[in-house]
Amino acid sequence: MAKTINIQPVNSVIFVSGGGKVDVPVDHLDDTKSPVAASRDCLIICVNPELDGPTALTIGRASEIDPGYSPSFVGPLETRTGHIIIDQVDQHVVHDQVVDSTLVTITAWFSHPRWPEQVFIGID
């Protein structure tokens, strides 16, 4: 079931991972080229700048939340814990979901290529 939450994270990024010790792809983050940086077990996703207001984060199966335009990211994510966790720099967890596999596909759409007020994260 899809859900939408409003977030306004410090540093204007969120992390999508399986939890635990992960390879955070900080060295690959360049929001002028892509709003997503990826390693095998962690994604950094850029959201609306904190000072500009909240980001509506919609999470669900890709087919449920597809906003009708091309995704900016589609890729695999390893989840050793059987969970997908979305958290912020301050480690505040905004979403924790049990998944059936240790490998999931993440699909992400952004309402703007650099300052998205809406971010859609499909977990399949």
PDB file of N, CA and C in Angstrom:
ATOM      1  N   MET A   1       0.835  -1.173   0.000  1.00  0.00           N
ATOM      2  CA  MET A   1       0.000   0.000   0.000  1.00  0.00           C
ATOM      3  C   MET A   1       0.889   1.250   0.000  1.00  0.00           C
ATOM      4  N   ALA A   2       0.601   2.167  -0.864  1.00  0.00           N
ATOM      5  CA  ALA A   2       1.381   3.395  -0.998  1.00  0.00           C
ATOM      6  C   ALA A   2       1.084   4.342   0.156  1.00  0.00           C
ATOM      7  N   LYS A   3       2.117   5.109   0.516  1.00  0.00           N
ATOM      8  CA  LYS A   3       1.917   6.141   1.536  1.00  0.00           C
ATOM      9  C   LYS A   3       2.746   7.352   1.175  1.00  0.00           C
ATOM     10  N   THR A   4       2.270   8.522   1.612  1.00  0.00           N
ATOM     11  CA  THR A   4       2.972   9.777   1.383  1.00  0.00           C
ATOM     12  C   THR A   4       3.230  10.430   2.737  1.00  0.00           C
ATOM     13  N   ILE A   5       4.471  10.876   2.919  1.00  0.00           N
ATOM     14  CA  ILE A   5       4.841  11.598   4.125  1.00  0.00           C
ATOM     15  C   ILE A   5       5.561  12.873   3.720  1.00  0.00           C
ATOM     16  N   ASN A   6       5.404  13.901   4.500  1.00  0.00           N
ATOM     17  CA  ASN A   6       6.117  15.154   4.257  1.00  0.00           C
ATOM     18  C   ASN A   6       7.371  15.175   5.116  1.00  0.00           C
ATOM     19  N   ILE A   7       8.502  15.438   4.469  1.00  0.00           N
ATOM     20  CA  ILE A   7       9.780  15.476   5.168  1.00  0.00           C
ATOM     21  C   ILE A   7      10.485  16.789   4.859  1.00  0.00           C
ATOM     22  N   GLN A   8      11.388  17.173   5.737  1.00  0.00           N
ATOM     23  CA  GLN A   8      12.180  18.378   5.539  1.00  0.00           C
ATOM     24  C   GLN A   8      13.545  18.120   6.190  1.00  0.00           C
ATOM     25  N   PRO A   9      14.309  17.166   5.606  1.00  0.00           N
ATOM     26  CA  PRO A   9      15.527  16.709   6.275  1.00  0.00           C
ATOM     27  C   PRO A   9      16.686  17.702   6.213  1.00  0.00           C
ATOM     28  N   VAL A  10      17.495  17.648   7.263  1.00  0.00           N
ATOM     29  CA  VAL A  10      18.745  18.394   7.309  1.00  0.00           C
ATOM     30  C   VAL A  10      19.605  17.940   6.126  1.00  0.00           C
ATOM     31  N   ASN A  11      20.287  18.854   5.498  1.00  0.00           N
ATOM     32  CA  ASN A  11      21.161  18.589   4.343  1.00  0.00           C
ATOM     33  C   ASN A  11      20.396  18.211   3.085  1.00  0.00           C
ATOM     34  N   SER A  12      19.075  18.169   3.144  1.00  0.00           N
ATOM     35  CA  SER A  12      18.230  17.945   1.962  1.00  0.00           C
ATOM     36  C   SER A  12      18.524  16.638   1.231  1.00  0.00           C
ATOM     37  N   VAL A  13      18.866  15.599   1.999  1.00  0.00           N
ATOM     38  CA  VAL A  13      19.055  14.272   1.434  1.00  0.00           C
ATOM     39  C   VAL A  13      18.424  13.236   2.354  1.00  0.00           C
ATOM     40  N   ILE A  14      18.075  12.099   1.757  1.00  0.00           N
ATOM     41  CA  ILE A  14      17.636  10.930   2.510  1.00  0.00           C
ATOM     42  C   ILE A  14      18.464   9.744   2.048  1.00  0.00           C
ATOM     43  N   PHE A  15      18.469   8.706   2.870  1.00  0.00           N
ATOM     44  CA  PHE A  15      19.204   7.485   2.554  1.00  0.00           C
ATOM     45  C   PHE A  15      18.208   6.336   2.448  1.00  0.00           C
ATOM     46  N   VAL A  16      18.388   5.500   1.440  1.00  0.00           N
ATOM     47  CA  VAL A  16      17.577   4.302   1.265  1.00  0.00           C
ATOM     48  C   VAL A  16      18.548   3.130   1.342  1.00  0.00           C
ATOM     49  N   SER A  17      18.304   2.225   2.296  1.00  0.00           N
ATOM     50  CA  SER A  17      19.222   1.100   2.470  1.00  0.00           C
ATOM     51  C   SER A  17      18.496  -0.062   3.110  1.00  0.00           C
ATOM     52  N   GLY A  18      19.247  -1.133   3.290  1.00  0.00           N
ATOM     53  CA  GLY A  18      18.731  -2.280   4.022  1.00  0.00           C
ATOM     54  C   GLY A  18      19.015  -2.182   5.500  1.00  0.00           C
ATOM     55  N   GLY A  19      19.637  -1.104   5.923  1.00  0.00           N
ATOM     56  CA  GLY A  19      19.976  -0.919   7.327  1.00  0.00           C
ATOM     57  C   GLY A  19      21.303  -1.564   7.664  1.00  0.00           C
ATOM     58  N   GLY A  20      21.763  -1.335   8.857  1.00  0.00           N
ATOM     59  CA  GLY A  20      23.047  -1.870   9.292  1.00  0.00           C
ATOM     60  C   GLY A  20      24.199  -1.128   8.641  1.00  0.00           C
ATOM     61  N   LYS A  21      25.351  -1.771   8.600  1.00  0.00           N
ATOM     62  CA  LYS A  21      26.536  -1.159   7.994  1.00  0.00           C
ATOM     63  C   LYS A  21      26.422  -1.243   6.477  1.00  0.00           C
ATOM     64  N   VAL A  22      26.425  -0.082   5.819  1.00  0.00           N
ATOM     65  CA  VAL A  22      26.289  -0.020   4.363  1.00  0.00           C
ATOM     66  C   VAL A  22      27.368   0.882   3.782  1.00  0.00           C
ATOM     67  N   ASP A  23      27.563   0.763   2.484  1.00  0.00           N
ATOM     68  CA  ASP A  23      28.511   1.601   1.743  1.00  0.00           C
ATOM     69  C   ASP A  23      27.777   2.853   1.284  1.00  0.00           C
ATOM     70  N   VAL A  24      27.879   3.923   2.064  1.00  0.00           N
ATOM     71  CA  VAL A  24      27.194   5.180   1.734  1.00  0.00           C
ATOM     72  C   VAL A  24      27.969   5.855   0.602  1.00  0.00           C
ATOM     73  N   PRO A  25      27.316   6.084  -0.549  1.00  0.00           N
ATOM     74  CA  PRO A  25      28.030   6.571  -1.746  1.00  0.00           C
ATOM     75  C   PRO A  25      28.266   8.087  -1.777  1.00  0.00           C
ATOM     76  N   VAL A  26      28.792   8.630  -0.691  1.00  0.00           N
ATOM     77  CA  VAL A  26      29.006  10.076  -0.581  1.00  0.00           C
ATOM     78  C   VAL A  26      29.882  10.599  -1.715  1.00  0.00           C
ATOM     79  N   ASP A  27      30.918   9.860  -2.083  1.00  0.00           N
ATOM     80  CA  ASP A  27      31.842  10.306  -3.131  1.00  0.00           C
ATOM     81  C   ASP A  27      31.203  10.354  -4.520  1.00  0.00           C
ATOM     82  N   HIS A  28      30.037   9.725  -4.674  1.00  0.00           N
ATOM     83  CA  HIS A  28      29.369   9.680  -5.980  1.00  0.00           C
ATOM     84  C   HIS A  28      28.230  10.693  -6.098  1.00  0.00           C
ATOM     85  N   LEU A  29      27.994  11.464  -5.045  1.00  0.00           N
ATOM     86  CA  LEU A  29      26.880  12.404  -5.047  1.00  0.00           C
ATOM     87  C   LEU A  29      27.269  13.695  -5.762  1.00  0.00           C
ATOM     88  N   ASP A  30      26.543  13.998  -6.829  1.00  0.00           N
ATOM     89  CA  ASP A  30      26.700  15.254  -7.559  1.00  0.00           C
ATOM     90  C   ASP A  30      25.314  15.660  -8.025  1.00  0.00           C
ATOM     91  N   ASP A  31      24.625  16.453  -7.205  1.00  0.00           N
ATOM     92  CA  ASP A  31      23.227  16.779  -7.507  1.00  0.00           C
ATOM     93  C   ASP A  31      23.058  17.639  -8.752  1.00  0.00           C
ATOM     94  N   THR A  32      24.161  18.124  -9.334  1.00  0.00           N
ATOM     95  CA  THR A  32      24.043  18.856 -10.596  1.00  0.00           C
ATOM     96  C   THR A  32      23.900  17.894 -11.775  1.00  0.00           C
ATOM     97  N   LYS A  33      24.248  16.617 -11.565  1.00  0.00           N
ATOM     98  CA  LYS A  33      24.149  15.609 -12.627  1.00  0.00           C
ATOM     99  C   LYS A  33      22.996  14.636 -12.407  1.00  0.00           C
ATOM    100  N   SER A  34      22.779  14.243 -11.133  1.00  0.00           N
ATOM    101  CA  SER A  34      21.724  13.282 -10.815  1.00  0.00           C
ATOM    102  C   SER A  34      21.284  13.479  -9.368  1.00  0.00           C
ATOM    103  N   PRO A  35      20.002  13.331  -9.102  1.00  0.00           N
ATOM    104  CA  PRO A  35      19.529  13.458  -7.727  1.00  0.00           C
ATOM    105  C   PRO A  35      19.743  12.186  -6.899  1.00  0.00           C
ATOM    106  N   VAL A  36      20.423  11.181  -7.484  1.00  0.00           N
ATOM    107  CA  VAL A  36      20.647   9.915  -6.790  1.00  0.00           C
ATOM    108  C   VAL A  36      22.116   9.515  -6.919  1.00  0.00           C
ATOM    109  N   ALA A  37      22.682   9.059  -5.804  1.00  0.00           N
ATOM    110  CA  ALA A  37      23.997   8.411  -5.811  1.00  0.00           C
ATOM    111  C   ALA A  37      23.776   7.012  -5.258  1.00  0.00           C
ATOM    112  N   ALA A  38      24.397   6.015  -5.881  1.00  0.00           N
ATOM    113  CA  ALA A  38      24.107   4.633  -5.505  1.00  0.00           C
ATOM    114  C   ALA A  38      25.366   3.818  -5.267  1.00  0.00           C
ATOM    115  N   SER A  39      25.276   2.956  -4.266  1.00  0.00           N
ATOM    116  CA  SER A  39      26.218   1.861  -4.082  1.00  0.00           C
ATOM    117  C   SER A  39      25.371   0.594  -4.144  1.00  0.00           C
ATOM    118  N   ARG A  40      25.956  -0.548  -3.915  1.00  0.00           N
ATOM    119  CA  ARG A  40      25.187  -1.794  -4.015  1.00  0.00           C
ATOM    120  C   ARG A  40      24.121  -1.920  -2.929  1.00  0.00           C
ATOM    121  N   ASP A  41      24.340  -1.233  -1.775  1.00  0.00           N
ATOM    122  CA  ASP A  41      23.407  -1.404  -0.666  1.00  0.00           C
ATOM    123  C   ASP A  41      22.905  -0.096  -0.037  1.00  0.00           C
ATOM    124  N   CYS A  42      23.127   1.030  -0.726  1.00  0.00           N
ATOM    125  CA  CYS A  42      22.650   2.310  -0.191  1.00  0.00           C
ATOM    126  C   CYS A  42      22.449   3.314  -1.324  1.00  0.00           C
ATOM    127  N   LEU A  43      21.400   4.091  -1.209  1.00  0.00           N
ATOM    128  CA  LEU A  43      21.163   5.208  -2.119  1.00  0.00           C
ATOM    129  C   LEU A  43      21.126   6.493  -1.309  1.00  0.00           C
ATOM    130  N   ILE A  44      21.690   7.545  -1.878  1.00  0.00           N
ATOM    131  CA  ILE A  44      21.486   8.885  -1.347  1.00  0.00           C
ATOM    132  C   ILE A  44      20.556   9.568  -2.342  1.00  0.00           C
ATOM    133  N   ILE A  45      19.464  10.117  -1.847  1.00  0.00           N
ATOM    134  CA  ILE A  45      18.484  10.765  -2.714  1.00  0.00           C
ATOM    135  C   ILE A  45      18.338  12.218  -2.282  1.00  0.00           C
ATOM    136  N   CYS A  46      18.516  13.125  -3.227  1.00  0.00           N
ATOM    137  CA  CYS A  46      18.358  14.557  -2.964  1.00  0.00           C
ATOM    138  C   CYS A  46      16.879  14.921  -2.978  1.00  0.00           C
ATOM    139  N   VAL A  47      16.500  15.785  -2.054  1.00  0.00           N
ATOM    140  CA  VAL A  47      15.118  16.243  -1.965  1.00  0.00           C
ATOM    141  C   VAL A  47      15.105  17.771  -1.981  1.00  0.00           C
ATOM    142  N   ASN A  48      13.934  18.343  -1.882  1.00  0.00           N
ATOM    143  CA  ASN A  48      13.792  19.797  -1.901  1.00  0.00           C
ATOM    144  C   ASN A  48      14.695  20.417  -0.817  1.00  0.00           C
ATOM    145  N   PRO A  49      15.383  21.517  -1.127  1.00  0.00           N
ATOM    146  CA  PRO A  49      16.223  22.143  -0.108  1.00  0.00           C
ATOM    147  C   PRO A  49      15.451  22.426   1.172  1.00  0.00           C
ATOM    148  N   GLU A  50      16.070  22.102   2.275  1.00  0.00           N
ATOM    149  CA  GLU A  50      15.436  22.223   3.589  1.00  0.00           C
ATOM    150  C   GLU A  50      14.799  23.597   3.808  1.00  0.00           C
ATOM    151  N   LEU A  51      15.481  24.651   3.416  1.00  0.00           N
ATOM    152  CA  LEU A  51      14.975  26.004   3.630  1.00  0.00           C
ATOM    153  C   LEU A  51      13.795  26.367   2.727  1.00  0.00           C
ATOM    154  N   ASP A  52      13.618  25.620   1.629  1.00  0.00           N
ATOM    155  CA  ASP A  52      12.540  25.911   0.680  1.00  0.00           C
ATOM    156  C   ASP A  52      11.228  25.232   1.034  1.00  0.00           C
ATOM    157  N   GLY A  53      11.246  24.380   2.049  1.00  0.00           N
ATOM    158  CA  GLY A  53      10.011  23.735   2.468  1.00  0.00           C
ATOM    159  C   GLY A  53      10.065  22.232   2.357  1.00  0.00           C
ATOM    160  N   PRO A  54       8.973  21.583   2.708  1.00  0.00           N
ATOM    161  CA  PRO A  54       8.948  20.128   2.757  1.00  0.00           C
ATOM    162  C   PRO A  54       8.925  19.474   1.372  1.00  0.00           C
ATOM    163  N   THR A  55       9.292  18.205   1.394  1.00  0.00           N
ATOM    164  CA  THR A  55       9.195  17.339   0.220  1.00  0.00           C
ATOM    165  C   THR A  55       8.123  16.295   0.518  1.00  0.00           C
ATOM    166  N   ALA A  56       7.219  16.083  -0.416  1.00  0.00           N
ATOM    167  CA  ALA A  56       6.235  15.008  -0.302  1.00  0.00           C
ATOM    168  C   ALA A  56       6.903  13.736  -0.817  1.00  0.00           C
ATOM    169  N   LEU A  57       7.129  12.790   0.074  1.00  0.00           N
ATOM    170  CA  LEU A  57       7.781  11.529  -0.265  1.00  0.00           C
ATOM    171  C   LEU A  57       6.721  10.442  -0.334  1.00  0.00           C
ATOM    172  N   THR A  58       6.526   9.893  -1.540  1.00  0.00           N
ATOM    173  CA  THR A  58       5.539   8.830  -1.741  1.00  0.00           C
ATOM    174  C   THR A  58       6.286   7.520  -1.942  1.00  0.00           C
ATOM    175  N   ILE A  59       5.891   6.502  -1.183  1.00  0.00           N
ATOM    176  CA  ILE A  59       6.571   5.212  -1.185  1.00  0.00           C
ATOM    177  C   ILE A  59       5.546   4.123  -1.443  1.00  0.00           C
ATOM    178  N   GLY A  60       5.916   3.163  -2.299  1.00  0.00           N
ATOM    179  CA  GLY A  60       5.033   2.035  -2.584  1.00  0.00           C
ATOM    180  C   GLY A  60       5.595   1.212  -3.725  1.00  0.00           C
ATOM    181  N   ARG A  61       4.808   0.301  -4.225  1.00  0.00           N
ATOM    182  CA  ARG A  61       5.220  -0.456  -5.408  1.00  0.00           C
ATOM    183  C   ARG A  61       5.253   0.513  -6.584  1.00  0.00           C
ATOM    184  N   ALA A  62       6.213   0.317  -7.480  1.00  0.00           N
ATOM    185  CA  ALA A  62       6.375   1.245  -8.603  1.00  0.00           C
ATOM    186  C   ALA A  62       5.089   1.394  -9.404  1.00  0.00           C
ATOM    187  N   SER A  63       4.374   0.302  -9.635  1.00  0.00           N
ATOM    188  CA  SER A  63       3.141   0.366 -10.427  1.00  0.00           C
ATOM    189  C   SER A  63       2.048   1.170  -9.726  1.00  0.00           C
ATOM    190  N   GLU A  64       2.078   1.237  -8.401  1.00  0.00           N
ATOM    191  CA  GLU A  64       1.077   1.984  -7.633  1.00  0.00           C
ATOM    192  C   GLU A  64       1.338   3.487  -7.615  1.00  0.00           C
ATOM    193  N   ILE A  65       2.614   3.867  -7.650  1.00  0.00           N
ATOM    194  CA  ILE A  65       2.947   5.277  -7.427  1.00  0.00           C
ATOM    195  C   ILE A  65       3.496   5.983  -8.657  1.00  0.00           C
ATOM    196  N   ASP A  66       3.607   5.300  -9.772  1.00  0.00           N
ATOM    197  CA  ASP A  66       4.144   5.882 -11.011  1.00  0.00           C
ATOM    198  C   ASP A  66       3.401   7.174 -11.343  1.00  0.00           C
ATOM    199  N   PRO A  67       4.113   8.315 -11.342  1.00  0.00           N
ATOM    200  CA  PRO A  67       3.432   9.587 -11.598  1.00  0.00           C
ATOM    201  C   PRO A  67       3.153   9.864 -13.074  1.00  0.00           C
ATOM    202  N   GLY A  68       3.584   8.964 -13.963  1.00  0.00           N
ATOM    203  CA  GLY A  68       3.252   9.125 -15.379  1.00  0.00           C
ATOM    204  C   GLY A  68       4.363   9.711 -16.223  1.00  0.00           C
ATOM    205  N   TYR A  69       5.545   9.875 -15.668  1.00  0.00           N
ATOM    206  CA  TYR A  69       6.691  10.325 -16.458  1.00  0.00           C
ATOM    207  C   TYR A  69       7.876   9.408 -16.163  1.00  0.00           C
ATOM    208  N   SER A  70       8.920   9.521 -16.959  1.00  0.00           N
ATOM    209  CA  SER A  70      10.056   8.609 -16.854  1.00  0.00           C
ATOM    210  C   SER A  70      10.772   8.735 -15.514  1.00  0.00           C
ATOM    211  N   PRO A  71      11.156   7.586 -14.941  1.00  0.00           N
ATOM    212  CA  PRO A  71      11.904   7.646 -13.691  1.00  0.00           C
ATOM    213  C   PRO A  71      13.321   8.176 -13.924  1.00  0.00           C
ATOM    214  N   SER A  72      13.883   8.777 -12.881  1.00  0.00           N
ATOM    215  CA  SER A  72      15.258   9.260 -12.931  1.00  0.00           C
ATOM    216  C   SER A  72      16.252   8.196 -12.504  1.00  0.00           C
ATOM    217  N   PHE A  73      15.759   7.178 -11.804  1.00  0.00           N
ATOM    218  CA  PHE A  73      16.637   6.103 -11.341  1.00  0.00           C
ATOM    219  C   PHE A  73      15.857   4.809 -11.288  1.00  0.00           C
ATOM    220  N   VAL A  74      16.476   3.747 -11.791  1.00  0.00           N
ATOM    221  CA  VAL A  74      15.981   2.382 -11.634  1.00  0.00           C
ATOM    222  C   VAL A  74      17.212   1.521 -11.401  1.00  0.00           C
ATOM    223  N   GLY A  75      17.230   0.810 -10.292  1.00  0.00           N
ATOM    224  CA  GLY A  75      18.395  -0.023 -10.023  1.00  0.00           C
ATOM    225  C   GLY A  75      18.181  -0.968  -8.864  1.00  0.00           C
ATOM    226  N   PRO A  76      19.095  -1.945  -8.743  1.00  0.00           N
ATOM    227  CA  PRO A  76      18.998  -2.924  -7.658  1.00  0.00           C
ATOM    228  C   PRO A  76      19.539  -2.356  -6.349  1.00  0.00           C
ATOM    229  N   LEU A  77      19.042  -2.904  -5.255  1.00  0.00           N
ATOM    230  CA  LEU A  77      19.533  -2.548  -3.932  1.00  0.00           C
ATOM    231  C   LEU A  77      19.568  -3.814  -3.081  1.00  0.00           C
ATOM    232  N   GLU A  78      20.744  -4.130  -2.543  1.00  0.00           N
ATOM    233  CA  GLU A  78      20.893  -5.291  -1.663  1.00  0.00           C
ATOM    234  C   GLU A  78      20.368  -4.949  -0.277  1.00  0.00           C
ATOM    235  N   THR A  79      19.656  -5.903   0.313  1.00  0.00           N
ATOM    236  CA  THR A  79      19.078  -5.699   1.643  1.00  0.00           C
ATOM    237  C   THR A  79      19.355  -6.924   2.495  1.00  0.00           C
ATOM    238  N   ARG A  80      20.460  -6.937   3.190  1.00  0.00           N
ATOM    239  CA  ARG A  80      20.823  -8.091   4.021  1.00  0.00           C
ATOM    240  C   ARG A  80      19.866  -8.307   5.183  1.00  0.00           C
ATOM    241  N   THR A  81      19.182  -7.251   5.625  1.00  0.00           N
ATOM    242  CA  THR A  81      18.331  -7.337   6.811  1.00  0.00           C
ATOM    243  C   THR A  81      16.883  -7.732   6.515  1.00  0.00           C
ATOM    244  N   GLY A  82      16.491  -7.753   5.239  1.00  0.00           N
ATOM    245  CA  GLY A  82      15.094  -8.018   4.904  1.00  0.00           C
ATOM    246  C   GLY A  82      14.193  -6.823   5.123  1.00  0.00           C
ATOM    247  N   HIS A  83      14.800  -5.657   5.249  1.00  0.00           N
ATOM    248  CA  HIS A  83      14.064  -4.407   5.422  1.00  0.00           C
ATOM    249  C   HIS A  83      14.589  -3.381   4.435  1.00  0.00           C
ATOM    250  N   ILE A  84      13.726  -2.438   4.079  1.00  0.00           N
ATOM    251  CA  ILE A  84      14.152  -1.212   3.408  1.00  0.00           C
ATOM    252  C   ILE A  84      13.912  -0.101   4.423  1.00  0.00           C
ATOM    253  N   ILE A  85      14.966   0.641   4.690  1.00  0.00           N
ATOM    254  CA  ILE A  85      14.885   1.734   5.646  1.00  0.00           C
ATOM    255  C   ILE A  85      15.189   3.026   4.907  1.00  0.00           C
ATOM    256  N   ILE A  86      14.348   4.027   5.114  1.00  0.00           N
ATOM    257  CA  ILE A  86      14.602   5.363   4.592  1.00  0.00           C
ATOM    258  C   ILE A  86      14.813   6.250   5.807  1.00  0.00           C
ATOM    259  N   ASP A  87      16.014   6.835   5.863  1.00  0.00           N
ATOM    260  CA  ASP A  87      16.308   7.702   6.997  1.00  0.00           C
ATOM    261  C   ASP A  87      17.020   8.963   6.546  1.00  0.00           C
ATOM    262  N   GLN A  88      17.232   9.850   7.503  1.00  0.00           N
ATOM    263  CA  GLN A  88      17.815  11.156   7.251  1.00  0.00           C
ATOM    264  C   GLN A  88      19.219  11.210   7.844  1.00  0.00           C
ATOM    265  N   VAL A  89      19.944  12.295   7.589  1.00  0.00           N
ATOM    266  CA  VAL A  89      21.299  12.474   8.092  1.00  0.00           C
ATOM    267  C   VAL A  89      21.346  12.326   9.609  1.00  0.00           C
ATOM    268  N   ASP A  90      20.318  12.806  10.306  1.00  0.00           N
ATOM    269  CA  ASP A  90      20.271  12.711  11.764  1.00  0.00           C
ATOM    270  C   ASP A  90      19.820  11.332  12.240  1.00  0.00           C
ATOM    271  N   GLN A  91      19.733  10.370  11.334  1.00  0.00           N
ATOM    272  CA  GLN A  91      19.350   8.976  11.564  1.00  0.00           C
ATOM    273  C   GLN A  91      17.882   8.801  11.950  1.00  0.00           C
ATOM    274  N   HIS A  92      17.072   9.836  11.739  1.00  0.00           N
ATOM    275  CA  HIS A  92      15.633   9.714  11.960  1.00  0.00           C
ATOM    276  C   HIS A  92      15.046   8.841  10.845  1.00  0.00           C
ATOM    277  N   VAL A  93      14.447   7.724  11.209  1.00  0.00           N
ATOM    278  CA  VAL A  93      13.851   6.804  10.242  1.00  0.00           C
ATOM    279  C   VAL A  93      12.467   7.319   9.857  1.00  0.00           C
ATOM    280  N   VAL A  94      12.269   7.539   8.549  1.00  0.00           N
ATOM    281  CA  VAL A  94      10.966   8.003   8.073  1.00  0.00           C
ATOM    282  C   VAL A  94      10.145   6.865   7.473  1.00  0.00           C
ATOM    283  N   HIS A  95      10.805   5.731   7.181  1.00  0.00           N
ATOM    284  CA  HIS A  95      10.090   4.586   6.626  1.00  0.00           C
ATOM    285  C   HIS A  95      10.900   3.323   6.889  1.00  0.00           C
ATOM    286  N   ASP A  96      10.221   2.268   7.316  1.00  0.00           N
ATOM    287  CA  ASP A  96      10.845   0.960   7.532  1.00  0.00           C
ATOM    288  C   ASP A  96       9.867  -0.074   7.007  1.00  0.00           C
ATOM    289  N   GLN A  97      10.323  -0.849   6.027  1.00  0.00           N
ATOM    290  CA  GLN A  97       9.428  -1.795   5.351  1.00  0.00           C
ATOM    291  C   GLN A  97      10.094  -3.153   5.234  1.00  0.00           C
ATOM    292  N   VAL A  98       9.373  -4.194   5.604  1.00  0.00           N
ATOM    293  CA  VAL A  98       9.845  -5.552   5.404  1.00  0.00           C
ATOM    294  C   VAL A  98       9.732  -5.885   3.918  1.00  0.00           C
ATOM    295  N   VAL A  99      10.768  -6.536   3.367  1.00  0.00           N
ATOM    296  CA  VAL A  99      10.741  -6.973   1.968  1.00  0.00           C
ATOM    297  C   VAL A  99      10.982  -8.473   1.909  1.00  0.00           C
ATOM    298  N   ASP A 100      10.540  -9.095   0.818  1.00  0.00           N
ATOM    299  CA  ASP A 100      10.597 -10.546   0.673  1.00  0.00           C
ATOM    300  C   ASP A 100      11.923 -11.080   0.149  1.00  0.00           C
ATOM    301  N   SER A 101      12.819 -10.178  -0.239  1.00  0.00           N
ATOM    302  CA  SER A 101      14.038 -10.615  -0.904  1.00  0.00           C
ATOM    303  C   SER A 101      15.230  -9.813  -0.393  1.00  0.00           C
ATOM    304  N   THR A 102      16.417 -10.358  -0.582  1.00  0.00           N
ATOM    305  CA  THR A 102      17.630  -9.620  -0.226  1.00  0.00           C
ATOM    306  C   THR A 102      18.089  -8.723  -1.366  1.00  0.00           C
ATOM    307  N   LEU A 103      17.362  -8.748  -2.476  1.00  0.00           N
ATOM    308  CA  LEU A 103      17.655  -7.873  -3.610  1.00  0.00           C
ATOM    309  C   LEU A 103      16.338  -7.297  -4.116  1.00  0.00           C
ATOM    310  N   VAL A 104      16.212  -5.983  -4.060  1.00  0.00           N
ATOM    311  CA  VAL A 104      15.005  -5.314  -4.533  1.00  0.00           C
ATOM    312  C   VAL A 104      15.366  -4.338  -5.647  1.00  0.00           C
ATOM    313  N   THR A 105      14.361  -3.925  -6.382  1.00  0.00           N
ATOM    314  CA  THR A 105      14.548  -2.894  -7.394  1.00  0.00           C
ATOM    315  C   THR A 105      13.936  -1.607  -6.863  1.00  0.00           C
ATOM    316  N   ILE A 106      14.724  -0.541  -6.912  1.00  0.00           N
ATOM    317  CA  ILE A 106      14.254   0.780  -6.506  1.00  0.00           C
ATOM    318  C   ILE A 106      14.042   1.607  -7.768  1.00  0.00           C
ATOM    319  N   THR A 107      12.875   2.222  -7.871  1.00  0.00           N
ATOM    320  CA  THR A 107      12.567   3.134  -8.966  1.00  0.00           C
ATOM    321  C   THR A 107      12.237   4.481  -8.325  1.00  0.00           C
ATOM    322  N   ALA A 108      12.880   5.546  -8.829  1.00  0.00           N
ATOM    323  CA  ALA A 108      12.658   6.866  -8.233  1.00  0.00           C
ATOM    324  C   ALA A 108      12.304   7.894  -9.299  1.00  0.00           C
ATOM    325  N   TRP A 109      11.279   8.674  -8.994  1.00  0.00           N
ATOM    326  CA  TRP A 109      10.844   9.778  -9.845  1.00  0.00           C
ATOM    327  C   TRP A 109      10.972  11.068  -9.044  1.00  0.00           C
ATOM    328  N   PHE A 110      11.258  12.164  -9.739  1.00  0.00           N
ATOM    329  CA  PHE A 110      11.426  13.461  -9.090  1.00  0.00           C
ATOM    330  C   PHE A 110      10.615  14.503  -9.846  1.00  0.00           C
ATOM    331  N   SER A 111       9.911  15.363  -9.120  1.00  0.00           N
ATOM    332  CA  SER A 111       9.101  16.394  -9.757  1.00  0.00           C
ATOM    333  C   SER A 111       9.959  17.495 -10.377  1.00  0.00           C
ATOM    334  N   HIS A 112      11.211  17.571  -9.997  1.00  0.00           N
ATOM    335  CA  HIS A 112      12.155  18.539 -10.559  1.00  0.00           C
ATOM    336  C   HIS A 112      13.528  17.871 -10.527  1.00  0.00           C
ATOM    337  N   PRO A 113      14.364  18.068 -11.559  1.00  0.00           N
ATOM    338  CA  PRO A 113      15.642  17.359 -11.605  1.00  0.00           C
ATOM    339  C   PRO A 113      16.633  17.766 -10.515  1.00  0.00           C
ATOM    340  N   ARG A 114      16.425  18.915  -9.900  1.00  0.00           N
ATOM    341  CA  ARG A 114      17.378  19.364  -8.889  1.00  0.00           C
ATOM    342  C   ARG A 114      16.735  19.722  -7.546  1.00  0.00           C
ATOM    343  N   TRP A 115      15.514  20.274  -7.567  1.00  0.00           N
ATOM    344  CA  TRP A 115      14.835  20.692  -6.341  1.00  0.00           C
ATOM    345  C   TRP A 115      13.432  20.099  -6.311  1.00  0.00           C
ATOM    346  N   PRO A 116      13.300  18.808  -6.119  1.00  0.00           N
ATOM    347  CA  PRO A 116      11.981  18.176  -6.182  1.00  0.00           C
ATOM    348  C   PRO A 116      11.146  18.412  -4.933  1.00  0.00           C
ATOM    349  N   GLU A 117       9.940  18.898  -5.153  1.00  0.00           N
ATOM    350  CA  GLU A 117       8.975  19.021  -4.053  1.00  0.00           C
ATOM    351  C   GLU A 117       8.224  17.712  -3.856  1.00  0.00           C
ATOM    352  N   GLN A 118       8.322  16.830  -4.868  1.00  0.00           N
ATOM    353  CA  GLN A 118       7.717  15.499  -4.775  1.00  0.00           C
ATOM    354  C   GLN A 118       8.747  14.481  -5.223  1.00  0.00           C
ATOM    355  N   VAL A 119       8.906  13.436  -4.399  1.00  0.00           N
ATOM    356  CA  VAL A 119       9.794  12.329  -4.725  1.00  0.00           C
ATOM    357  C   VAL A 119       8.978  11.052  -4.562  1.00  0.00           C
ATOM    358  N   PHE A 120       9.048  10.184  -5.542  1.00  0.00           N
ATOM    359  CA  PHE A 120       8.328   8.925  -5.539  1.00  0.00           C
ATOM    360  C   PHE A 120       9.372   7.803  -5.524  1.00  0.00           C
ATOM    361  N   ILE A 121       9.251   6.878  -4.556  1.00  0.00           N
ATOM    362  CA  ILE A 121      10.200   5.767  -4.454  1.00  0.00           C
ATOM    363  C   ILE A 121       9.419   4.470  -4.554  1.00  0.00           C
ATOM    364  N   GLY A 122       9.642   3.769  -5.667  1.00  0.00           N
ATOM    365  CA  GLY A 122       9.025   2.460  -5.869  1.00  0.00           C
ATOM    366  C   GLY A 122       9.941   1.382  -5.342  1.00  0.00           C
ATOM    367  N   ILE A 123       9.381   0.472  -4.551  1.00  0.00           N
ATOM    368  CA  ILE A 123      10.140  -0.637  -3.992  1.00  0.00           C
ATOM    369  C   ILE A 123       9.521  -1.931  -4.492  1.00  0.00           C
ATOM    370  N   ASP A 124      10.262  -2.672  -5.312  1.00  0.00           N
ATOM    371  CA  ASP A 124       9.760  -3.934  -5.882  1.00  0.00           C
ATOM    372  C   ASP A 124      10.784  -5.050  -5.726  1.00  0.00           C
TER     373      ASP A 124
END
